[in-house]
Amino acid sequence: MNIAPRKVLFAVSTILIAGFSASFGQPLIHGNEQAINVIITVFSILAGFLVAIIAILGDPTLLPPGTWRAAEVQREKLVRRLVGYKWLFLLYLITLALAFTSLLFKDHYPTITVWIEIAYLFFGTCVFICSLRLPEWLMKLQEERIDAMIEHRRKQDGIGGE
């Protein structure tokens, strides 16, 4: 298995930033219902947006025209990306569930609430940082689709590929 150093650096940096944010952010969020509501609202919107993206990208009519082999190659790439989006979506839901749980526990279990707040700040920061790359991923996917369409049209017109 070949692991890209850039991806490892991104993952380690994300975890360190999230740990720092969770540790130092927890006292700021504790008892601050407005801040908690902002987090819940933001992640609810992101989750809805991601569901729409998954639904659109999963539409088989968006596979490029051409041979079944070309469609199969695109399908494999698309499935890998959809799996990544699925994990991002699940992390959104985990963040929302932890934030909601902290609201339920705050009056009865104050010690547990502190740890839940740390957990949702950690997950929330991780998933937010990962979400910053979402436009890049979507742009790359669209570029690949456009390139596949151009290549298909070239073949239809009898022009060789590069």
N, C-alpha and C. Protein backbone atom coordinates (compact mmCIF):
# COMPACT_ATOMS: atom_id res chain seq x y z
N MET A 1 0.85 -1.17 0.00
CA MET A 1 0.00 0.00 0.00
C MET A 1 0.90 1.24 0.00
N ASN A 2 0.57 2.17 -0.88
CA ASN A 2 1.35 3.39 -1.04
C ASN A 2 0.60 4.56 -0.40
N ILE A 3 1.13 5.09 0.68
CA ILE A 3 0.48 6.18 1.39
C ILE A 3 1.22 7.48 1.06
N ALA A 4 0.46 8.46 0.60
CA ALA A 4 1.05 9.74 0.22
C ALA A 4 1.46 10.52 1.47
N PRO A 5 2.71 11.01 1.51
CA PRO A 5 3.16 11.79 2.67
C PRO A 5 2.30 13.03 2.91
N ARG A 6 1.79 13.63 1.83
CA ARG A 6 0.95 14.81 1.97
C ARG A 6 -0.33 14.48 2.75
N LYS A 7 -0.89 13.30 2.49
CA LYS A 7 -2.11 12.89 3.19
C LYS A 7 -1.83 12.62 4.67
N VAL A 8 -0.68 12.02 4.94
CA VAL A 8 -0.30 11.74 6.33
C VAL A 8 -0.11 13.06 7.08
N LEU A 9 0.58 14.01 6.45
CA LEU A 9 0.79 15.32 7.06
C LEU A 9 -0.54 16.02 7.32
N PHE A 10 -1.46 15.94 6.35
CA PHE A 10 -2.78 16.54 6.52
C PHE A 10 -3.52 15.91 7.69
N ALA A 11 -3.50 14.58 7.78
CA ALA A 11 -4.20 13.87 8.86
C ALA A 11 -3.61 14.22 10.22
N VAL A 12 -2.29 14.20 10.33
CA VAL A 12 -1.64 14.50 11.61
C VAL A 12 -1.91 15.95 12.01
N SER A 13 -1.80 16.87 11.06
CA SER A 13 -2.07 18.29 11.34
C SER A 13 -3.51 18.49 11.79
N THR A 14 -4.43 17.83 11.11
CA THR A 14 -5.85 17.95 11.45
C THR A 14 -6.10 17.45 12.87
N ILE A 15 -5.54 16.32 13.22
CA ILE A 15 -5.73 15.75 14.56
C ILE A 15 -5.12 16.66 15.63
N LEU A 16 -3.94 17.22 15.35
CA LEU A 16 -3.31 18.12 16.32
C LEU A 16 -4.12 19.40 16.51
N ILE A 17 -4.58 19.98 15.41
CA ILE A 17 -5.39 21.20 15.49
C ILE A 17 -6.70 20.91 16.23
N ALA A 18 -7.31 19.77 15.92
CA ALA A 18 -8.57 19.40 16.57
C ALA A 18 -8.37 19.17 18.07
N GLY A 19 -7.28 18.51 18.43
CA GLY A 19 -6.99 18.29 19.85
C GLY A 19 -6.79 19.60 20.60
N PHE A 20 -6.04 20.50 19.98
CA PHE A 20 -5.82 21.83 20.56
C PHE A 20 -7.14 22.58 20.70
N SER A 21 -7.94 22.56 19.63
CA SER A 21 -9.24 23.26 19.65
C SER A 21 -10.17 22.69 20.71
N ALA A 22 -10.19 21.37 20.83
CA ALA A 22 -11.07 20.73 21.81
C ALA A 22 -10.63 21.06 23.23
N SER A 23 -9.33 21.02 23.48
CA SER A 23 -8.82 21.28 24.83
C SER A 23 -9.06 22.72 25.26
N PHE A 24 -8.73 23.65 24.38
CA PHE A 24 -8.84 25.06 24.76
C PHE A 24 -10.22 25.65 24.46
N GLY A 25 -10.98 25.00 23.61
CA GLY A 25 -12.30 25.52 23.26
C GLY A 25 -13.40 25.07 24.21
N GLN A 26 -13.18 23.95 24.88
CA GLN A 26 -14.23 23.41 25.76
C GLN A 26 -14.66 24.40 26.84
N PRO A 27 -13.74 25.07 27.54
CA PRO A 27 -14.21 26.04 28.55
C PRO A 27 -15.01 27.19 27.93
N LEU A 28 -14.73 27.51 26.68
CA LEU A 28 -15.44 28.61 26.02
C LEU A 28 -16.85 28.20 25.60
N ILE A 29 -17.03 26.92 25.31
CA ILE A 29 -18.33 26.45 24.82
C ILE A 29 -19.23 25.99 25.97
N HIS A 30 -18.62 25.62 27.09
CA HIS A 30 -19.38 25.09 28.22
C HIS A 30 -20.42 26.10 28.69
N GLY A 31 -21.68 25.71 28.63
CA GLY A 31 -22.77 26.57 29.06
C GLY A 31 -23.15 27.67 28.07
N ASN A 32 -22.50 27.71 26.94
CA ASN A 32 -22.77 28.74 25.94
C ASN A 32 -23.72 28.17 24.88
N GLU A 33 -25.02 28.28 25.15
CA GLU A 33 -26.02 27.65 24.27
C GLU A 33 -26.03 28.25 22.87
N GLN A 34 -25.71 29.55 22.76
CA GLN A 34 -25.66 30.15 21.42
C GLN A 34 -24.57 29.51 20.58
N ALA A 35 -23.41 29.31 21.17
CA ALA A 35 -22.31 28.69 20.43
C ALA A 35 -22.66 27.25 20.04
N ILE A 36 -23.29 26.54 20.96
CA ILE A 36 -23.69 25.16 20.67
C ILE A 36 -24.72 25.14 19.54
N ASN A 37 -25.66 26.07 19.56
CA ASN A 37 -26.66 26.15 18.49
C ASN A 37 -26.02 26.47 17.14
N VAL A 38 -24.99 27.32 17.15
CA VAL A 38 -24.28 27.61 15.90
C VAL A 38 -23.63 26.35 15.36
N ILE A 39 -22.99 25.59 16.23
CA ILE A 39 -22.35 24.34 15.81
C ILE A 39 -23.39 23.38 15.24
N ILE A 40 -24.50 23.22 15.93
CA ILE A 40 -25.55 22.33 15.47
C ILE A 40 -26.10 22.79 14.12
N THR A 41 -26.32 24.08 13.97
CA THR A 41 -26.84 24.62 12.71
C THR A 41 -25.86 24.41 11.56
N VAL A 42 -24.60 24.74 11.79
CA VAL A 42 -23.59 24.61 10.73
C VAL A 42 -23.46 23.16 10.28
N PHE A 43 -23.37 22.24 11.22
CA PHE A 43 -23.19 20.84 10.83
C PHE A 43 -24.46 20.23 10.24
N SER A 44 -25.61 20.73 10.64
CA SER A 44 -26.86 20.28 10.00
C SER A 44 -26.89 20.72 8.54
N ILE A 45 -26.48 21.96 8.28
CA ILE A 45 -26.44 22.46 6.90
C ILE A 45 -25.41 21.69 6.09
N LEU A 46 -24.23 21.47 6.65
CA LEU A 46 -23.20 20.71 5.94
C LEU A 46 -23.66 19.29 5.63
N ALA A 47 -24.33 18.66 6.59
CA ALA A 47 -24.83 17.30 6.36
C ALA A 47 -25.86 17.28 5.24
N GLY A 48 -26.77 18.25 5.22
CA GLY A 48 -27.76 18.33 4.15
C GLY A 48 -27.12 18.56 2.80
N PHE A 49 -26.13 19.45 2.77
CA PHE A 49 -25.40 19.73 1.54
C PHE A 49 -24.71 18.47 1.03
N LEU A 50 -24.09 17.74 1.94
CA LEU A 50 -23.36 16.53 1.54
C LEU A 50 -24.31 15.44 1.05
N VAL A 51 -25.49 15.33 1.64
CA VAL A 51 -26.48 14.36 1.15
C VAL A 51 -26.86 14.70 -0.28
N ALA A 52 -27.04 15.98 -0.57
CA ALA A 52 -27.37 16.40 -1.94
C ALA A 52 -26.24 16.05 -2.90
N ILE A 53 -25.00 16.28 -2.49
CA ILE A 53 -23.85 15.96 -3.33
C ILE A 53 -23.79 14.46 -3.60
N ILE A 54 -23.97 13.66 -2.55
CA ILE A 54 -23.93 12.20 -2.72
C ILE A 54 -25.03 11.75 -3.67
N ALA A 55 -26.22 12.31 -3.52
CA ALA A 55 -27.34 11.93 -4.40
C ALA A 55 -27.04 12.30 -5.85
N ILE A 56 -26.49 13.48 -6.08
CA ILE A 56 -26.20 13.91 -7.45
C ILE A 56 -25.07 13.09 -8.04
N LEU A 57 -23.99 12.90 -7.29
CA LEU A 57 -22.84 12.17 -7.81
C LEU A 57 -23.15 10.69 -8.02
N GLY A 58 -24.07 10.16 -7.25
CA GLY A 58 -24.42 8.75 -7.38
C GLY A 58 -25.36 8.45 -8.53
N ASP A 59 -25.81 9.48 -9.23
CA ASP A 59 -26.73 9.30 -10.36
C ASP A 59 -26.01 8.63 -11.52
N PRO A 60 -26.41 7.42 -11.90
CA PRO A 60 -25.71 6.69 -12.97
C PRO A 60 -25.80 7.37 -14.34
N THR A 61 -26.77 8.25 -14.53
CA THR A 61 -26.86 8.93 -15.82
C THR A 61 -25.72 9.92 -16.02
N LEU A 62 -24.97 10.21 -14.97
CA LEU A 62 -23.85 11.13 -15.08
C LEU A 62 -22.55 10.45 -15.49
N LEU A 63 -22.59 9.12 -15.65
CA LEU A 63 -21.40 8.43 -16.16
C LEU A 63 -21.13 8.91 -17.58
N PRO A 64 -19.86 9.03 -17.94
CA PRO A 64 -19.55 9.53 -19.28
C PRO A 64 -19.98 8.53 -20.34
N PRO A 65 -20.36 9.04 -21.52
CA PRO A 65 -20.73 8.13 -22.60
C PRO A 65 -19.49 7.39 -23.10
N GLY A 66 -19.71 6.32 -23.80
CA GLY A 66 -18.60 5.55 -24.34
C GLY A 66 -18.76 4.08 -24.01
N THR A 67 -17.65 3.40 -24.00
CA THR A 67 -17.67 1.96 -23.77
C THR A 67 -17.99 1.64 -22.31
N TRP A 68 -18.37 0.40 -22.11
CA TRP A 68 -18.66 -0.02 -20.74
C TRP A 68 -17.38 -0.02 -19.90
N ARG A 69 -16.23 -0.21 -20.56
CA ARG A 69 -14.96 -0.20 -19.81
C ARG A 69 -14.66 1.19 -19.26
N ALA A 70 -14.90 2.21 -20.08
CA ALA A 70 -14.69 3.59 -19.62
C ALA A 70 -15.63 3.90 -18.46
N ALA A 71 -16.87 3.43 -18.57
CA ALA A 71 -17.84 3.65 -17.49
C ALA A 71 -17.40 2.93 -16.22
N GLU A 72 -16.84 1.73 -16.37
CA GLU A 72 -16.38 0.96 -15.21
C GLU A 72 -15.24 1.67 -14.49
N VAL A 73 -14.30 2.25 -15.24
CA VAL A 73 -13.20 2.99 -14.63
C VAL A 73 -13.74 4.19 -13.85
N GLN A 74 -14.66 4.93 -14.47
CA GLN A 74 -15.28 6.07 -13.80
C GLN A 74 -16.05 5.63 -12.56
N ARG A 75 -16.73 4.51 -12.67
CA ARG A 75 -17.51 3.99 -11.55
C ARG A 75 -16.63 3.71 -10.34
N GLU A 76 -15.48 3.09 -10.58
CA GLU A 76 -14.57 2.77 -9.47
C GLU A 76 -14.08 4.04 -8.78
N LYS A 77 -13.73 5.06 -9.57
CA LYS A 77 -13.30 6.34 -8.99
C LYS A 77 -14.44 6.97 -8.19
N LEU A 78 -15.61 6.94 -8.77
CA LEU A 78 -16.78 7.56 -8.14
C LEU A 78 -17.14 6.86 -6.83
N VAL A 79 -17.09 5.55 -6.83
CA VAL A 79 -17.42 4.79 -5.61
C VAL A 79 -16.42 5.12 -4.50
N ARG A 80 -15.12 5.22 -4.84
CA ARG A 80 -14.12 5.58 -3.83
C ARG A 80 -14.43 6.94 -3.22
N ARG A 81 -14.80 7.88 -4.08
CA ARG A 81 -15.12 9.22 -3.58
C ARG A 81 -16.40 9.21 -2.74
N LEU A 82 -17.39 8.47 -3.19
CA LEU A 82 -18.64 8.40 -2.44
C LEU A 82 -18.42 7.80 -1.06
N VAL A 83 -17.52 6.83 -0.95
CA VAL A 83 -17.20 6.25 0.36
C VAL A 83 -16.60 7.32 1.26
N GLY A 84 -15.71 8.15 0.71
CA GLY A 84 -15.14 9.25 1.49
C GLY A 84 -16.19 10.24 1.94
N TYR A 85 -17.12 10.57 1.04
CA TYR A 85 -18.21 11.49 1.40
C TYR A 85 -19.11 10.87 2.46
N LYS A 86 -19.31 9.56 2.37
CA LYS A 86 -20.13 8.86 3.37
C LYS A 86 -19.50 9.00 4.76
N TRP A 87 -18.17 8.82 4.85
CA TRP A 87 -17.50 8.94 6.14
C TRP A 87 -17.57 10.38 6.65
N LEU A 88 -17.44 11.33 5.76
CA LEU A 88 -17.57 12.73 6.15
C LEU A 88 -18.97 12.99 6.72
N PHE A 89 -19.98 12.46 6.04
CA PHE A 89 -21.37 12.60 6.50
C PHE A 89 -21.55 11.96 7.88
N LEU A 90 -21.00 10.76 8.07
CA LEU A 90 -21.12 10.10 9.38
C LEU A 90 -20.45 10.91 10.48
N LEU A 91 -19.32 11.53 10.17
CA LEU A 91 -18.66 12.38 11.17
C LEU A 91 -19.48 13.63 11.49
N TYR A 92 -20.18 14.16 10.48
CA TYR A 92 -21.12 15.26 10.75
C TYR A 92 -22.18 14.80 11.75
N LEU A 93 -22.73 13.61 11.50
CA LEU A 93 -23.78 13.10 12.38
C LEU A 93 -23.26 12.81 13.78
N ILE A 94 -22.04 12.30 13.89
CA ILE A 94 -21.45 12.05 15.21
C ILE A 94 -21.29 13.37 15.96
N THR A 95 -20.82 14.40 15.26
CA THR A 95 -20.66 15.72 15.88
C THR A 95 -22.01 16.24 16.38
N LEU A 96 -23.03 16.12 15.53
CA LEU A 96 -24.37 16.57 15.92
C LEU A 96 -24.91 15.78 17.11
N ALA A 97 -24.72 14.47 17.08
CA ALA A 97 -25.21 13.62 18.17
C ALA A 97 -24.53 13.96 19.49
N LEU A 98 -23.22 14.19 19.44
CA LEU A 98 -22.50 14.55 20.66
C LEU A 98 -22.93 15.92 21.19
N ALA A 99 -23.13 16.87 20.29
CA ALA A 99 -23.58 18.20 20.72
C ALA A 99 -24.97 18.11 21.36
N PHE A 100 -25.85 17.34 20.74
CA PHE A 100 -27.19 17.16 21.28
C PHE A 100 -27.13 16.45 22.64
N THR A 101 -26.30 15.43 22.74
CA THR A 101 -26.15 14.69 23.99
C THR A 101 -25.64 15.60 25.11
N SER A 102 -24.72 16.49 24.76
CA SER A 102 -24.20 17.40 25.80
C SER A 102 -25.30 18.31 26.34
N LEU A 103 -26.23 18.70 25.46
CA LEU A 103 -27.36 19.52 25.92
C LEU A 103 -28.26 18.73 26.87
N LEU A 104 -28.44 17.45 26.58
CA LEU A 104 -29.29 16.61 27.43
C LEU A 104 -28.64 16.33 28.79
N PHE A 105 -27.31 16.15 28.79
CA PHE A 105 -26.60 15.75 30.00
C PHE A 105 -26.18 16.91 30.89
N LYS A 106 -26.20 18.14 30.39
CA LYS A 106 -25.56 19.27 31.08
C LYS A 106 -26.01 19.47 32.52
N ASP A 107 -27.28 19.27 32.81
CA ASP A 107 -27.77 19.51 34.17
C ASP A 107 -27.59 18.32 35.10
N HIS A 108 -27.59 17.12 34.55
CA HIS A 108 -27.56 15.91 35.39
C HIS A 108 -26.17 15.28 35.51
N TYR A 109 -25.34 15.44 34.50
CA TYR A 109 -24.02 14.80 34.49
C TYR A 109 -22.96 15.80 34.05
N PRO A 110 -22.62 16.76 34.89
CA PRO A 110 -21.70 17.82 34.47
C PRO A 110 -20.30 17.33 34.08
N THR A 111 -19.78 16.32 34.76
CA THR A 111 -18.45 15.81 34.42
C THR A 111 -18.45 15.13 33.06
N ILE A 112 -19.47 14.32 32.82
CA ILE A 112 -19.58 13.64 31.52
C ILE A 112 -19.80 14.67 30.42
N THR A 113 -20.55 15.72 30.72
CA THR A 113 -20.82 16.77 29.73
C THR A 113 -19.52 17.42 29.25
N VAL A 114 -18.59 17.65 30.17
CA VAL A 114 -17.30 18.25 29.78
C VAL A 114 -16.60 17.36 28.76
N TRP A 115 -16.58 16.06 28.99
CA TRP A 115 -15.91 15.13 28.06
C TRP A 115 -16.65 15.03 26.73
N ILE A 116 -17.96 15.10 26.79
CA ILE A 116 -18.74 15.09 25.54
C ILE A 116 -18.46 16.36 24.74
N GLU A 117 -18.35 17.49 25.44
CA GLU A 117 -18.03 18.75 24.75
C GLU A 117 -16.65 18.68 24.09
N ILE A 118 -15.70 18.12 24.79
CA ILE A 118 -14.36 17.95 24.21
C ILE A 118 -14.45 17.06 22.98
N ALA A 119 -15.23 15.99 23.08
CA ALA A 119 -15.36 15.06 21.94
C ALA A 119 -16.00 15.73 20.74
N TYR A 120 -17.10 16.48 20.93
CA TYR A 120 -17.73 17.06 19.75
C TYR A 120 -16.92 18.23 19.19
N LEU A 121 -16.17 18.92 20.03
CA LEU A 121 -15.27 19.94 19.49
C LEU A 121 -14.15 19.30 18.68
N PHE A 122 -13.64 18.17 19.16
CA PHE A 122 -12.59 17.46 18.43
C PHE A 122 -13.12 16.97 17.08
N PHE A 123 -14.23 16.22 17.09
CA PHE A 123 -14.80 15.72 15.84
C PHE A 123 -15.23 16.87 14.93
N GLY A 124 -15.84 17.88 15.52
CA GLY A 124 -16.30 19.01 14.72
C GLY A 124 -15.15 19.72 14.02
N THR A 125 -14.05 19.91 14.73
CA THR A 125 -12.89 20.56 14.11
C THR A 125 -12.30 19.68 13.02
N CYS A 126 -12.15 18.39 13.30
CA CYS A 126 -11.62 17.46 12.28
C CYS A 126 -12.46 17.49 11.01
N VAL A 127 -13.74 17.33 11.17
CA VAL A 127 -14.63 17.23 10.01
C VAL A 127 -14.76 18.57 9.30
N PHE A 128 -14.66 19.67 10.04
CA PHE A 128 -14.71 20.98 9.40
C PHE A 128 -13.47 21.20 8.53
N ILE A 129 -12.31 20.84 9.06
CA ILE A 129 -11.07 20.97 8.28
C ILE A 129 -11.14 20.09 7.03
N CYS A 130 -11.64 18.87 7.18
CA CYS A 130 -11.79 17.99 6.01
C CYS A 130 -12.78 18.57 5.00
N SER A 131 -13.80 19.24 5.50
CA SER A 131 -14.81 19.84 4.62
C SER A 131 -14.23 20.98 3.78
N LEU A 132 -13.17 21.59 4.25
CA LEU A 132 -12.55 22.66 3.49
C LEU A 132 -12.00 22.15 2.15
N ARG A 133 -11.74 20.86 2.08
CA ARG A 133 -11.23 20.27 0.83
C ARG A 133 -12.35 19.82 -0.10
N LEU A 134 -13.58 19.87 0.37
CA LEU A 134 -14.71 19.41 -0.43
C LEU A 134 -14.84 20.14 -1.77
N PRO A 135 -14.74 21.46 -1.83
CA PRO A 135 -14.81 22.12 -3.14
C PRO A 135 -13.72 21.65 -4.11
N GLU A 136 -12.52 21.41 -3.58
CA GLU A 136 -11.42 20.90 -4.42
C GLU A 136 -11.78 19.53 -4.99
N TRP A 137 -12.32 18.65 -4.16
CA TRP A 137 -12.69 17.31 -4.61
C TRP A 137 -13.77 17.37 -5.68
N LEU A 138 -14.77 18.23 -5.45
CA LEU A 138 -15.87 18.34 -6.41
C LEU A 138 -15.39 18.93 -7.73
N MET A 139 -14.50 19.90 -7.65
CA MET A 139 -13.95 20.51 -8.87
C MET A 139 -13.16 19.47 -9.67
N LYS A 140 -12.37 18.68 -8.98
CA LYS A 140 -11.58 17.65 -9.65
C LYS A 140 -12.49 16.64 -10.34
N LEU A 141 -13.56 16.26 -9.67
CA LEU A 141 -14.51 15.32 -10.26
C LEU A 141 -15.13 15.89 -11.52
N GLN A 142 -15.53 17.15 -11.47
CA GLN A 142 -16.13 17.79 -12.65
C GLN A 142 -15.12 17.89 -13.79
N GLU A 143 -13.87 18.21 -13.47
CA GLU A 143 -12.83 18.28 -14.50
C GLU A 143 -12.65 16.92 -15.18
N GLU A 144 -12.65 15.86 -14.38
CA GLU A 144 -12.51 14.51 -14.94
C GLU A 144 -13.69 14.17 -15.84
N ARG A 145 -14.88 14.56 -15.44
CA ARG A 145 -16.07 14.30 -16.28
C ARG A 145 -15.99 15.07 -17.59
N ILE A 146 -15.57 16.32 -17.53
CA ILE A 146 -15.43 17.12 -18.74
C ILE A 146 -14.37 16.51 -19.65
N ASP A 147 -13.23 16.11 -19.08
CA ASP A 147 -12.17 15.49 -19.88
C ASP A 147 -12.66 14.21 -20.54
N ALA A 148 -13.44 13.40 -19.80
CA ALA A 148 -13.97 12.16 -20.37
C ALA A 148 -14.93 12.46 -21.52
N MET A 149 -15.75 13.49 -21.37
CA MET A 149 -16.68 13.87 -22.43
C MET A 149 -15.93 14.36 -23.67
N ILE A 150 -14.91 15.17 -23.47
CA ILE A 150 -14.10 15.66 -24.60
C ILE A 150 -13.42 14.50 -25.30
N GLU A 151 -12.87 13.57 -24.53
CA GLU A 151 -12.20 12.41 -25.13
C GLU A 151 -13.19 11.58 -25.94
N HIS A 152 -14.39 11.41 -25.41
CA HIS A 152 -15.42 10.65 -26.13
C HIS A 152 -15.76 11.34 -27.45
N ARG A 153 -15.91 12.64 -27.42
CA ARG A 153 -16.23 13.39 -28.65
C ARG A 153 -15.09 13.33 -29.65
N ARG A 154 -13.87 13.35 -29.16
CA ARG A 154 -12.71 13.21 -30.06
C ARG A 154 -12.76 11.87 -30.78
N LYS A 155 -13.04 10.82 -30.02
CA LYS A 155 -13.11 9.49 -30.64
C LYS A 155 -14.24 9.41 -31.64
N GLN A 156 -15.37 10.05 -31.33
CA GLN A 156 -16.49 10.07 -32.28
C GLN A 156 -16.11 10.77 -33.58
N ASP A 157 -15.28 11.80 -33.47
CA ASP A 157 -14.86 12.56 -34.64
C ASP A 157 -13.62 11.98 -35.31
N GLY A 158 -13.12 10.86 -34.77
CA GLY A 158 -11.97 10.19 -35.37
C GLY A 158 -10.64 10.85 -35.06
N ILE A 159 -10.61 11.63 -33.99
CA ILE A 159 -9.36 12.28 -33.58
C ILE A 159 -8.74 11.44 -32.48
N GLY A 160 -7.47 11.10 -32.61
CA GLY A 160 -6.79 10.27 -31.63
C GLY A 160 -6.59 10.98 -30.31
N GLY A 161 -6.54 10.23 -29.23
CA GLY A 161 -6.31 10.80 -27.91
C GLY A 161 -4.85 11.16 -27.72
N GLU A 162 -4.59 11.96 -26.71
CA GLU A 162 -3.22 12.39 -26.43
C GLU A 162 -2.51 11.39 -25.57
